[in-house]
Amino acid sequence: MPESDSTLATTPEAAAQASQAGPSTPVPTLDRIRDAARVLAPLAARTPMEHSRFLASVTGAAVHLKCENLQRTGSYKIRGASYRLSRLSAEERARGVVAASAGNHAQGVAFAARQLGIAATIFMPIGVALPKLEATRDYGANVELVGSVVDESLAAAKRYAEETGAVFIPPFDHPDVIAGQATVGLEILEDVPDVETVIVPIGGGGLISGVAAAVKQLAPHVRIIGVQAENAAAYPPSLAAGEVLTVRTTPTIADGIAVGTPGRLTFEIVRDLVDDVVTVSDDETASALLVLLERAKLVVEPAGAVGVAALLSGKITAPGRTVAVLSGGNIDPLMMERVISRGLVASDRYMTLRIGLPDRPGQLAVISALIADASANVVEVLHTRHGTGTQISEVQIDISVETRGRAHQAVLMQRLQEAGYEPRVIVT
């Protein structure tokens, strides 16, 4: 792909006129969406559409995966950010742009700004994952670390915009951003014209608003299902109340969609065009991420895996021919390690047992032999004489083992109990 400014071919003059005109409704028109597709064609990748035999066997329906995790910068966010920047006037471009993000939006804005020769400042929380921080800097943006959460970075970015005149680039709640994300919907219909259900992760709602806008205008019979992390699910209560509500979010592995307040424009589009919104737990998301890694050979961040999590957990009934959007693949290796471990636990392939043993030589060897005879594999052993409730003549071990599922775990527990031990599961 060329690296010159010509990759975003809208002229500043035309962009200024279009920006002033703006859509009369929150839903981008097909003309606007197709214009976005034209502008983005030289820049954003047309990501693959993969068929998953494994997910088809589980759900009983054909399942396709829209691989935005393989998008340039690792996320669909490049689409909306690039289209928004392409429509700035020459005067706005000269002022520079500013954004706030913990990762994907930051990289999308930084990359697009570099392509257009626009100065970009990105505010990120202090604890942002190092790979996302370094990638944003590598794309040429000036990064300011402010606050412990994205909301604090967002407030700092808006102050910066007021003080310097830089153009603030919102992560989801802007017509141009929504139109850029809508190009995902066009590609879905082109690649799977007989699709019946499209499943999309929801944070603030930019991606699902765009996808729904494109799909419903061209194929109104197709169901659009949104998925949120249950620890950060603002849309279900907002839709029930008929107005935007702010919810208190709690930590979730799907940090890319941990947004406590829906956007004003995106809420209207979701309310009018999206058929349902469901939630998934962190354990369900971790299991889905593991399935994608093992069965589809795809590295996906937790936020990008929630659609597959909804399918695997039975949250979506009778989906028919389905497309699940994998919205991003920017996952920190340390986070991946933790998520994989959690996925193994959630799928009954990993467990930790606490066992009291007589404090004499050879007991650990006996336990190890019993576990080996049950065809389980020891991963880690913690041995202590200071466990709670341990007698002076006893020791306590926490032993972590790999298993082949719930039935295998039951066999292992039975073998240990028959040998006179009283194992207690402390991780299941």
Protein backbone atom coordinates (compact mmCIF):
# COMPACT_ATOMS: atom_id res chain seq x y z
CA MET A 1 0.00 0.00 0.00
CA PRO A 2 1.38 3.44 -0.82
CA GLU A 3 2.53 5.61 2.03
CA SER A 4 1.84 8.99 0.42
CA ASP A 5 -0.95 11.44 1.21
CA SER A 6 -2.75 10.28 -1.93
CA THR A 7 -4.01 7.22 -0.03
CA LEU A 8 -6.79 9.47 1.28
CA ALA A 9 -7.97 11.08 -1.90
CA THR A 10 -10.61 13.55 -0.68
CA THR A 11 -9.41 17.11 -1.33
CA PRO A 12 -9.50 19.59 1.57
CA GLU A 13 -11.98 21.79 -0.32
CA ALA A 14 -14.37 18.95 -1.05
CA ALA A 15 -14.00 17.68 2.49
CA ALA A 16 -14.89 21.08 3.90
CA GLN A 17 -18.07 21.27 1.82
CA ALA A 18 -19.13 17.74 2.74
CA SER A 19 -18.32 18.31 6.40
CA GLN A 20 -20.46 21.42 6.51
CA ALA A 21 -23.33 19.70 4.77
CA GLY A 22 -23.39 16.69 7.05
CA PRO A 23 -26.16 14.06 7.13
CA SER A 24 -29.67 15.12 8.08
CA THR A 25 -30.09 12.00 10.23
CA PRO A 26 -27.66 9.99 12.38
CA VAL A 27 -27.79 7.05 9.93
CA PRO A 28 -25.18 7.53 7.18
CA THR A 29 -26.64 7.21 3.71
CA LEU A 30 -25.45 4.56 1.29
CA ASP A 31 -23.86 7.32 -0.78
CA ARG A 32 -21.86 8.44 2.27
CA ILE A 33 -20.85 4.87 3.09
CA ARG A 34 -19.78 4.20 -0.48
CA ASP A 35 -17.78 7.41 -0.48
CA ALA A 36 -16.04 6.15 2.64
CA ALA A 37 -15.29 2.84 0.90
CA ARG A 38 -13.78 4.73 -2.04
CA VAL A 39 -11.61 6.91 0.18
CA LEU A 40 -10.44 3.99 2.30
CA ALA A 41 -9.78 1.53 -0.52
CA PRO A 42 -6.06 2.40 -0.89
CA LEU A 43 -5.51 2.53 2.87
CA ALA A 44 -7.56 0.08 4.91
CA ALA A 45 -7.27 -3.58 4.04
CA ARG A 46 -10.23 -5.52 2.76
CA THR A 47 -10.01 -8.08 5.53
CA PRO A 48 -10.58 -11.81 4.96
CA MET A 49 -13.85 -13.60 5.56
CA GLU A 50 -13.07 -17.03 7.02
CA HIS A 51 -15.50 -19.93 7.39
CA SER A 52 -15.28 -21.80 10.70
CA ARG A 53 -16.12 -25.50 10.51
CA PHE A 54 -15.72 -25.86 14.25
CA LEU A 55 -18.20 -23.09 15.09
CA ALA A 56 -20.57 -24.48 12.48
CA SER A 57 -20.43 -27.87 14.18
CA VAL A 58 -21.17 -26.29 17.57
CA THR A 59 -23.99 -23.99 16.46
CA GLY A 60 -25.52 -26.06 13.69
CA ALA A 61 -25.28 -23.08 11.34
CA ALA A 62 -22.71 -21.79 8.87
CA VAL A 63 -20.43 -19.35 10.69
CA HIS A 64 -18.10 -16.87 8.98
CA LEU A 65 -15.52 -14.67 10.68
CA LYS A 66 -14.91 -11.12 9.45
CA CYS A 67 -11.24 -10.76 10.36
CA GLU A 68 -10.75 -7.12 11.31
CA ASN A 69 -8.08 -8.45 13.68
CA LEU A 70 -5.97 -8.68 10.51
CA GLN A 71 -6.69 -5.05 9.59
CA ARG A 72 -3.87 -2.55 9.27
CA THR A 73 -3.07 -1.24 12.80
CA GLY A 74 -4.80 -4.40 14.08
CA SER A 75 -8.36 -3.06 14.31
CA TYR A 76 -11.35 -1.74 12.38
CA LYS A 77 -10.74 1.64 14.05
CA ILE A 78 -8.51 2.73 11.18
CA ARG A 79 -11.61 2.95 8.97
CA GLY A 80 -13.55 5.55 10.95
CA ALA A 81 -10.49 7.53 11.99
CA SER A 82 -9.14 7.72 8.44
CA TYR A 83 -12.44 8.77 6.92
CA ARG A 84 -12.95 11.47 9.56
CA LEU A 85 -9.47 12.90 8.98
CA SER A 86 -9.88 12.74 5.20
CA ARG A 87 -12.82 15.14 5.45
CA LEU A 88 -11.04 17.87 7.42
CA SER A 89 -10.55 21.20 5.68
CA ALA A 90 -7.07 22.56 4.93
CA GLU A 91 -7.45 24.97 7.86
CA GLU A 92 -8.45 22.14 10.22
CA ARG A 93 -5.55 19.99 9.06
CA ALA A 94 -3.14 22.83 9.80
CA ARG A 95 -4.39 22.96 13.41
CA GLY A 96 -3.60 19.29 13.99
CA VAL A 97 -5.75 16.63 15.62
CA VAL A 98 -6.06 15.21 19.12
CA ALA A 99 -7.65 12.02 20.41
CA ALA A 100 -7.83 9.90 23.54
CA SER A 101 -7.65 6.11 23.61
CA ALA A 102 -6.18 3.12 25.37
CA GLY A 103 -5.08 1.59 22.08
CA ASN A 104 -7.02 0.89 18.89
CA HIS A 105 -8.48 4.34 18.23
CA ALA A 106 -5.10 5.86 19.10
CA GLN A 107 -3.35 3.77 16.48
CA GLY A 108 -5.99 4.46 13.85
CA VAL A 109 -5.80 8.24 14.35
CA ALA A 110 -1.99 8.24 14.51
CA PHE A 111 -1.67 6.22 11.30
CA ALA A 112 -4.20 8.28 9.34
CA ALA A 113 -2.62 11.53 10.55
CA ARG A 114 0.79 10.38 9.35
CA GLN A 115 -0.64 9.52 5.93
CA LEU A 116 -2.13 13.00 5.60
CA GLY A 117 0.80 14.90 7.07
CA ILE A 118 -1.27 16.10 10.03
CA ALA A 119 0.25 16.59 13.48
CA ALA A 120 -1.44 14.25 15.97
CA THR A 121 -1.43 14.26 19.75
CA ILE A 122 -2.85 11.23 21.51
CA PHE A 123 -3.72 11.11 25.21
CA MET A 124 -3.46 7.65 26.75
CA PRO A 125 -3.87 6.41 30.34
CA ILE A 126 -0.68 5.90 32.30
CA GLY A 127 -1.14 2.13 32.52
CA VAL A 128 -1.71 1.56 28.81
CA ALA A 129 -0.29 -1.68 27.43
CA LEU A 130 3.26 -1.15 26.18
CA PRO A 131 2.71 -2.61 22.67
CA LYS A 132 -0.19 -0.19 22.05
CA LEU A 133 1.82 2.75 23.39
CA GLU A 134 4.84 1.95 21.24
CA ALA A 135 2.74 1.34 18.12
CA THR A 136 1.02 4.73 18.50
CA ARG A 137 4.39 6.46 18.86
CA ASP A 138 5.81 4.53 15.92
CA TYR A 139 3.02 5.92 13.72
CA GLY A 140 4.38 9.39 14.49
CA ALA A 141 1.94 10.71 17.08
CA ASN A 142 2.96 12.73 20.12
CA VAL A 143 1.71 10.66 23.05
CA GLU A 144 0.75 12.18 26.39
CA LEU A 145 0.19 9.82 29.31
CA VAL A 146 -2.53 11.29 31.52
CA GLY A 147 -4.86 9.67 34.06
CA SER A 148 -5.37 6.14 35.23
CA VAL A 149 -8.44 5.46 33.03
CA VAL A 150 -9.48 6.49 29.52
CA ASP A 151 -12.13 8.92 30.80
CA GLU A 152 -9.36 11.00 32.41
CA SER A 153 -7.33 10.89 29.20
CA LEU A 154 -10.45 11.93 27.28
CA ALA A 155 -10.99 14.96 29.51
CA ALA A 156 -7.34 15.97 29.02
CA ALA A 157 -7.65 15.61 25.24
CA LYS A 158 -10.71 17.86 25.15
CA ARG A 159 -8.93 20.49 27.24
CA TYR A 160 -5.99 20.31 24.85
CA ALA A 161 -8.35 20.85 21.91
CA GLU A 162 -9.85 23.93 23.57
CA GLU A 163 -6.47 25.39 24.45
CA THR A 164 -4.66 24.74 21.15
CA GLY A 165 -7.39 24.63 18.53
CA ALA A 166 -6.53 21.06 17.55
CA VAL A 167 -9.48 19.13 16.10
CA PHE A 168 -10.77 16.52 18.51
CA ILE A 169 -11.36 13.14 16.83
CA PRO A 170 -14.01 11.18 18.77
CA PRO A 171 -13.68 7.39 18.97
CA PHE A 172 -17.23 6.59 17.87
CA ASP A 173 -19.84 9.34 18.17
CA HIS A 174 -19.42 11.21 14.88
CA PRO A 175 -21.17 10.73 11.50
CA ASP A 176 -17.88 10.41 9.59
CA VAL A 177 -16.50 7.85 12.04
CA ILE A 178 -19.71 5.82 11.79
CA ALA A 179 -19.64 6.00 7.99
CA GLY A 180 -16.07 4.74 7.96
CA GLN A 181 -16.94 1.79 10.17
CA ALA A 182 -19.96 1.09 7.93
CA THR A 183 -17.60 -0.11 5.20
CA VAL A 184 -17.28 -3.32 7.24
CA GLY A 185 -20.98 -3.89 6.59
CA LEU A 186 -20.60 -3.39 2.84
CA GLU A 187 -17.82 -5.97 2.71
CA ILE A 188 -19.87 -8.46 4.73
CA LEU A 189 -22.76 -8.32 2.27
CA GLU A 190 -20.41 -8.58 -0.70
CA ASP A 191 -18.61 -11.61 0.73
CA VAL A 192 -21.63 -13.40 2.26
CA PRO A 193 -24.69 -12.15 0.35
CA ASP A 194 -26.98 -14.75 1.94
CA VAL A 195 -26.02 -13.85 5.51
CA GLU A 196 -28.88 -14.06 8.01
CA THR A 197 -27.27 -12.79 11.24
CA VAL A 198 -24.39 -10.40 11.83
CA ILE A 199 -22.83 -10.31 15.31
CA VAL A 200 -20.84 -7.23 16.31
CA PRO A 201 -18.97 -6.24 19.50
CA ILE A 202 -20.24 -3.04 21.16
CA GLY A 203 -18.29 -0.52 23.19
CA GLY A 204 -19.45 3.01 22.44
CA GLY A 205 -21.36 1.73 19.43
CA GLY A 206 -19.51 3.13 16.40
CA LEU A 207 -18.84 -0.21 14.71
CA ILE A 208 -22.29 -1.70 15.16
CA SER A 209 -23.93 1.59 14.14
CA GLY A 210 -22.00 1.60 10.90
CA VAL A 211 -22.50 -2.09 10.18
CA ALA A 212 -26.23 -1.84 10.91
CA ALA A 213 -26.57 1.27 8.74
CA ALA A 214 -25.01 -0.46 5.74
CA VAL A 215 -26.66 -3.84 6.18
CA LYS A 216 -30.17 -2.68 7.01
CA GLN A 217 -30.31 -0.33 4.02
CA LEU A 218 -29.28 -3.09 1.62
CA ALA A 219 -30.71 -6.19 3.33
CA PRO A 220 -33.25 -5.18 5.98
CA HIS A 221 -34.14 -8.81 6.76
CA VAL A 222 -30.66 -9.53 8.19
CA ARG A 223 -30.54 -9.63 11.99
CA ILE A 224 -27.94 -7.43 13.69
CA ILE A 225 -26.94 -8.62 17.17
CA GLY A 226 -24.65 -6.61 19.43
CA VAL A 227 -22.52 -8.11 22.17
CA GLN A 228 -21.18 -6.35 25.26
CA ALA A 229 -19.00 -7.48 28.13
CA GLU A 230 -21.32 -7.96 31.10
CA ASN A 231 -18.99 -5.88 33.30
CA ALA A 232 -19.36 -2.89 30.97
CA ALA A 233 -22.82 -3.19 29.45
CA ALA A 234 -24.41 0.24 29.06
CA TYR A 235 -26.62 -0.55 26.07
CA PRO A 236 -29.14 -3.01 27.57
CA PRO A 237 -30.28 -0.63 30.35
CA SER A 238 -30.12 2.37 28.01
CA LEU A 239 -32.28 0.63 25.41
CA ALA A 240 -34.72 -0.49 28.09
CA ALA A 241 -35.00 3.09 29.39
CA GLY A 242 -35.19 4.60 25.91
CA GLU A 243 -32.38 7.05 26.67
CA VAL A 244 -28.62 7.13 27.12
CA LEU A 245 -27.62 5.97 30.59
CA THR A 246 -24.21 5.79 32.21
CA VAL A 247 -23.38 2.57 34.02
CA ARG A 248 -20.59 1.82 36.43
CA THR A 249 -18.10 -0.43 34.70
CA THR A 250 -16.01 -2.99 36.54
CA PRO A 251 -12.76 -4.55 35.30
CA THR A 252 -13.10 -6.81 32.27
CA ILE A 253 -10.62 -8.57 30.02
CA ALA A 254 -12.54 -7.02 27.11
CA ASP A 255 -11.09 -3.59 27.87
CA GLY A 256 -11.45 -2.48 24.26
CA ILE A 257 -15.25 -2.27 24.68
CA ALA A 258 -15.34 -1.12 28.31
CA VAL A 259 -17.37 2.04 27.71
CA GLY A 260 -19.78 3.22 30.40
CA THR A 261 -21.86 5.63 28.29
CA PRO A 262 -23.23 5.04 24.77
CA GLY A 263 -22.73 7.79 22.21
CA ARG A 264 -25.68 10.04 21.42
CA LEU A 265 -25.66 9.29 17.68
CA THR A 266 -24.73 5.66 18.07
CA PHE A 267 -27.48 5.07 20.63
CA GLU A 268 -30.11 6.36 18.20
CA ILE A 269 -28.85 4.08 15.43
CA VAL A 270 -28.59 1.03 17.69
CA ARG A 271 -32.08 1.70 19.06
CA ASP A 272 -33.57 1.92 15.57
CA LEU A 273 -31.60 -0.68 13.62
CA VAL A 274 -30.09 -3.29 15.94
CA ASP A 275 -32.29 -6.30 16.68
CA ASP A 276 -30.83 -7.35 20.01
CA VAL A 277 -27.95 -6.78 22.41
CA VAL A 278 -26.62 -9.59 24.61
CA THR A 279 -23.83 -9.78 27.17
CA VAL A 280 -21.07 -12.31 27.84
CA SER A 281 -18.88 -12.98 30.85
CA ASP A 282 -15.11 -12.81 30.98
CA ASP A 283 -14.93 -16.60 31.24
CA GLU A 284 -17.07 -16.98 28.11
CA THR A 285 -14.87 -14.47 26.31
CA ALA A 286 -11.68 -16.24 27.39
CA SER A 287 -13.05 -19.56 26.14
CA ALA A 288 -13.91 -17.98 22.80
CA LEU A 289 -10.46 -16.47 22.46
CA LEU A 290 -8.95 -19.89 23.09
CA VAL A 291 -11.22 -21.47 20.46
CA LEU A 292 -10.21 -18.86 17.90
CA LEU A 293 -6.55 -19.43 18.67
CA GLU A 294 -6.73 -23.23 18.55
CA ARG A 295 -9.39 -23.88 15.92
CA ALA A 296 -9.17 -20.87 13.61
CA LYS A 297 -5.47 -20.05 14.16
CA LEU A 298 -6.45 -16.42 14.74
CA VAL A 299 -5.03 -14.07 17.38
CA VAL A 300 -7.91 -11.91 18.59
CA GLU A 301 -8.12 -9.47 21.48
CA PRO A 302 -10.82 -10.19 24.08
CA ALA A 303 -13.08 -7.36 22.88
CA GLY A 304 -12.91 -8.81 19.37
CA ALA A 305 -13.91 -12.30 20.55
CA VAL A 306 -17.19 -11.44 22.31
CA GLY A 307 -19.30 -12.25 19.24
CA VAL A 308 -17.89 -15.76 19.12
CA ALA A 309 -18.38 -15.98 22.90
CA ALA A 310 -22.07 -15.20 22.43
CA LEU A 311 -22.36 -17.99 19.85
CA LEU A 312 -20.52 -20.58 21.94
CA SER A 313 -22.51 -19.78 25.09
CA GLY A 314 -25.85 -20.09 23.34
CA LYS A 315 -26.80 -16.44 23.80
CA ILE A 316 -27.94 -16.23 20.16
CA THR A 317 -30.62 -18.69 19.09
CA ALA A 318 -31.29 -19.89 15.53
CA PRO A 319 -28.66 -17.64 13.98
CA GLY A 320 -28.78 -19.18 10.49
CA ARG A 321 -25.88 -18.23 8.25
CA THR A 322 -23.85 -15.99 10.52
CA VAL A 323 -21.01 -13.50 10.30
CA ALA A 324 -19.21 -12.68 13.55
CA VAL A 325 -17.01 -9.60 13.37
CA LEU A 326 -13.60 -10.07 15.00
CA SER A 327 -13.08 -6.38 15.67
CA GLY A 328 -9.41 -6.36 16.65
CA GLY A 329 -6.26 -8.34 17.36
CA ASN A 330 -4.18 -5.98 19.49
CA ILE A 331 -3.57 -8.05 22.58
CA ASP A 332 -0.65 -7.64 24.94
CA PRO A 333 1.35 -10.91 25.19
CA LEU A 334 1.10 -10.84 28.98
CA MET A 335 -2.67 -10.39 28.74
CA MET A 336 -2.81 -13.22 26.23
CA GLU A 337 -1.03 -15.51 28.67
CA ARG A 338 -3.57 -14.69 31.40
CA VAL A 339 -6.54 -14.99 29.08
CA ILE A 340 -5.41 -18.35 27.72
CA SER A 341 -5.02 -19.65 31.27
CA ARG A 342 -8.50 -18.41 32.11
CA GLY A 343 -9.86 -19.97 28.94
CA LEU A 344 -8.33 -23.32 29.86
CA VAL A 345 -9.97 -23.14 33.29
CA ALA A 346 -13.33 -22.13 31.85
CA SER A 347 -13.23 -25.04 29.39
CA ASP A 348 -12.40 -27.57 32.16
CA ARG A 349 -8.90 -28.21 30.86
CA TYR A 350 -7.01 -26.83 33.82
CA MET A 351 -7.60 -27.16 37.55
CA THR A 352 -5.76 -26.58 40.78
CA LEU A 353 -6.22 -28.95 43.71
CA ARG A 354 -5.36 -28.37 47.37
CA ILE A 355 -4.41 -31.58 49.16
CA GLY A 356 -3.25 -32.23 52.74
CA LEU A 357 -0.45 -34.82 53.03
CA PRO A 358 1.43 -36.52 55.86
CA ASP A 359 4.77 -34.74 56.36
CA ARG A 360 7.03 -37.61 55.41
CA PRO A 361 9.20 -38.46 52.40
CA GLY A 362 7.63 -39.86 49.25
CA GLN A 363 4.13 -38.39 49.53
CA LEU A 364 4.54 -36.01 46.60
CA ALA A 365 5.75 -38.92 44.48
CA VAL A 366 2.61 -40.89 45.39
CA ILE A 367 0.35 -38.01 44.39
CA SER A 368 2.28 -37.50 41.15
CA ALA A 369 1.93 -41.18 40.29
CA LEU A 370 -1.82 -41.12 40.90
CA ILE A 371 -2.20 -38.09 38.66
CA ALA A 372 -0.05 -39.70 35.96
CA ASP A 373 -2.10 -42.91 36.16
CA ALA A 374 -5.21 -40.79 35.52
CA SER A 375 -3.48 -39.38 32.39
CA ALA A 376 -3.42 -35.83 33.74
CA ASN A 377 -0.37 -33.60 33.48
CA VAL A 378 1.16 -31.69 36.41
CA VAL A 379 1.89 -28.05 35.53
CA GLU A 380 2.86 -26.52 38.88
CA VAL A 381 3.25 -27.53 42.52
CA LEU A 382 3.27 -25.30 45.60
CA HIS A 383 4.38 -27.06 48.82
CA THR A 384 3.96 -25.48 52.26
CA ARG A 385 3.86 -26.37 55.95
CA HIS A 386 2.00 -23.17 56.81
CA GLY A 387 -1.39 -23.66 55.15
CA THR A 388 -4.55 -22.74 57.02
CA GLY A 389 -5.77 -25.67 59.11
CA THR A 390 -2.65 -27.73 58.51
CA GLN A 391 -1.61 -29.98 61.41
CA ILE A 392 1.97 -30.02 62.68
CA SER A 393 2.48 -33.45 61.10
CA GLU A 394 1.02 -32.38 57.75
CA VAL A 395 1.96 -30.37 54.70
CA GLN A 396 -0.30 -28.79 52.14
CA ILE A 397 0.21 -28.85 48.39
CA ASP A 398 -1.52 -26.84 45.68
CA ILE A 399 -1.06 -28.81 42.50
CA SER A 400 -2.14 -27.49 39.09
CA VAL A 401 -2.91 -30.01 36.37
CA GLU A 402 -3.97 -30.06 32.74
CA THR A 403 -7.03 -32.19 32.00
CA ARG A 404 -9.17 -33.10 29.02
CA GLY A 405 -12.48 -31.79 30.28
CA ARG A 406 -15.01 -32.14 33.09
CA ALA A 407 -15.37 -35.93 32.85
CA HIS A 408 -11.59 -36.35 33.02
CA GLN A 409 -11.45 -34.07 36.07
CA ALA A 410 -14.09 -36.21 37.78
CA VAL A 411 -12.01 -39.35 37.14
CA LEU A 412 -8.92 -37.69 38.62
CA MET A 413 -10.80 -36.61 41.75
CA GLN A 414 -12.18 -40.12 42.18
CA ARG A 415 -8.70 -41.71 41.90
CA LEU A 416 -7.32 -39.40 44.60
CA GLN A 417 -10.28 -39.99 46.91
CA GLU A 418 -10.04 -43.76 46.50
CA ALA A 419 -6.39 -43.49 47.54
CA GLY A 420 -7.45 -41.85 50.81
CA TYR A 421 -6.83 -38.21 49.97
CA GLU A 422 -9.29 -35.33 50.26
CA PRO A 423 -8.54 -33.03 47.32
CA ARG A 424 -10.28 -29.65 47.16
CA VAL A 425 -10.62 -27.74 43.92
CA ILE A 426 -9.43 -24.16 44.32
CA VAL A 427 -9.51 -23.23 40.62
CA THR A 428 -12.22 -24.69 38.34
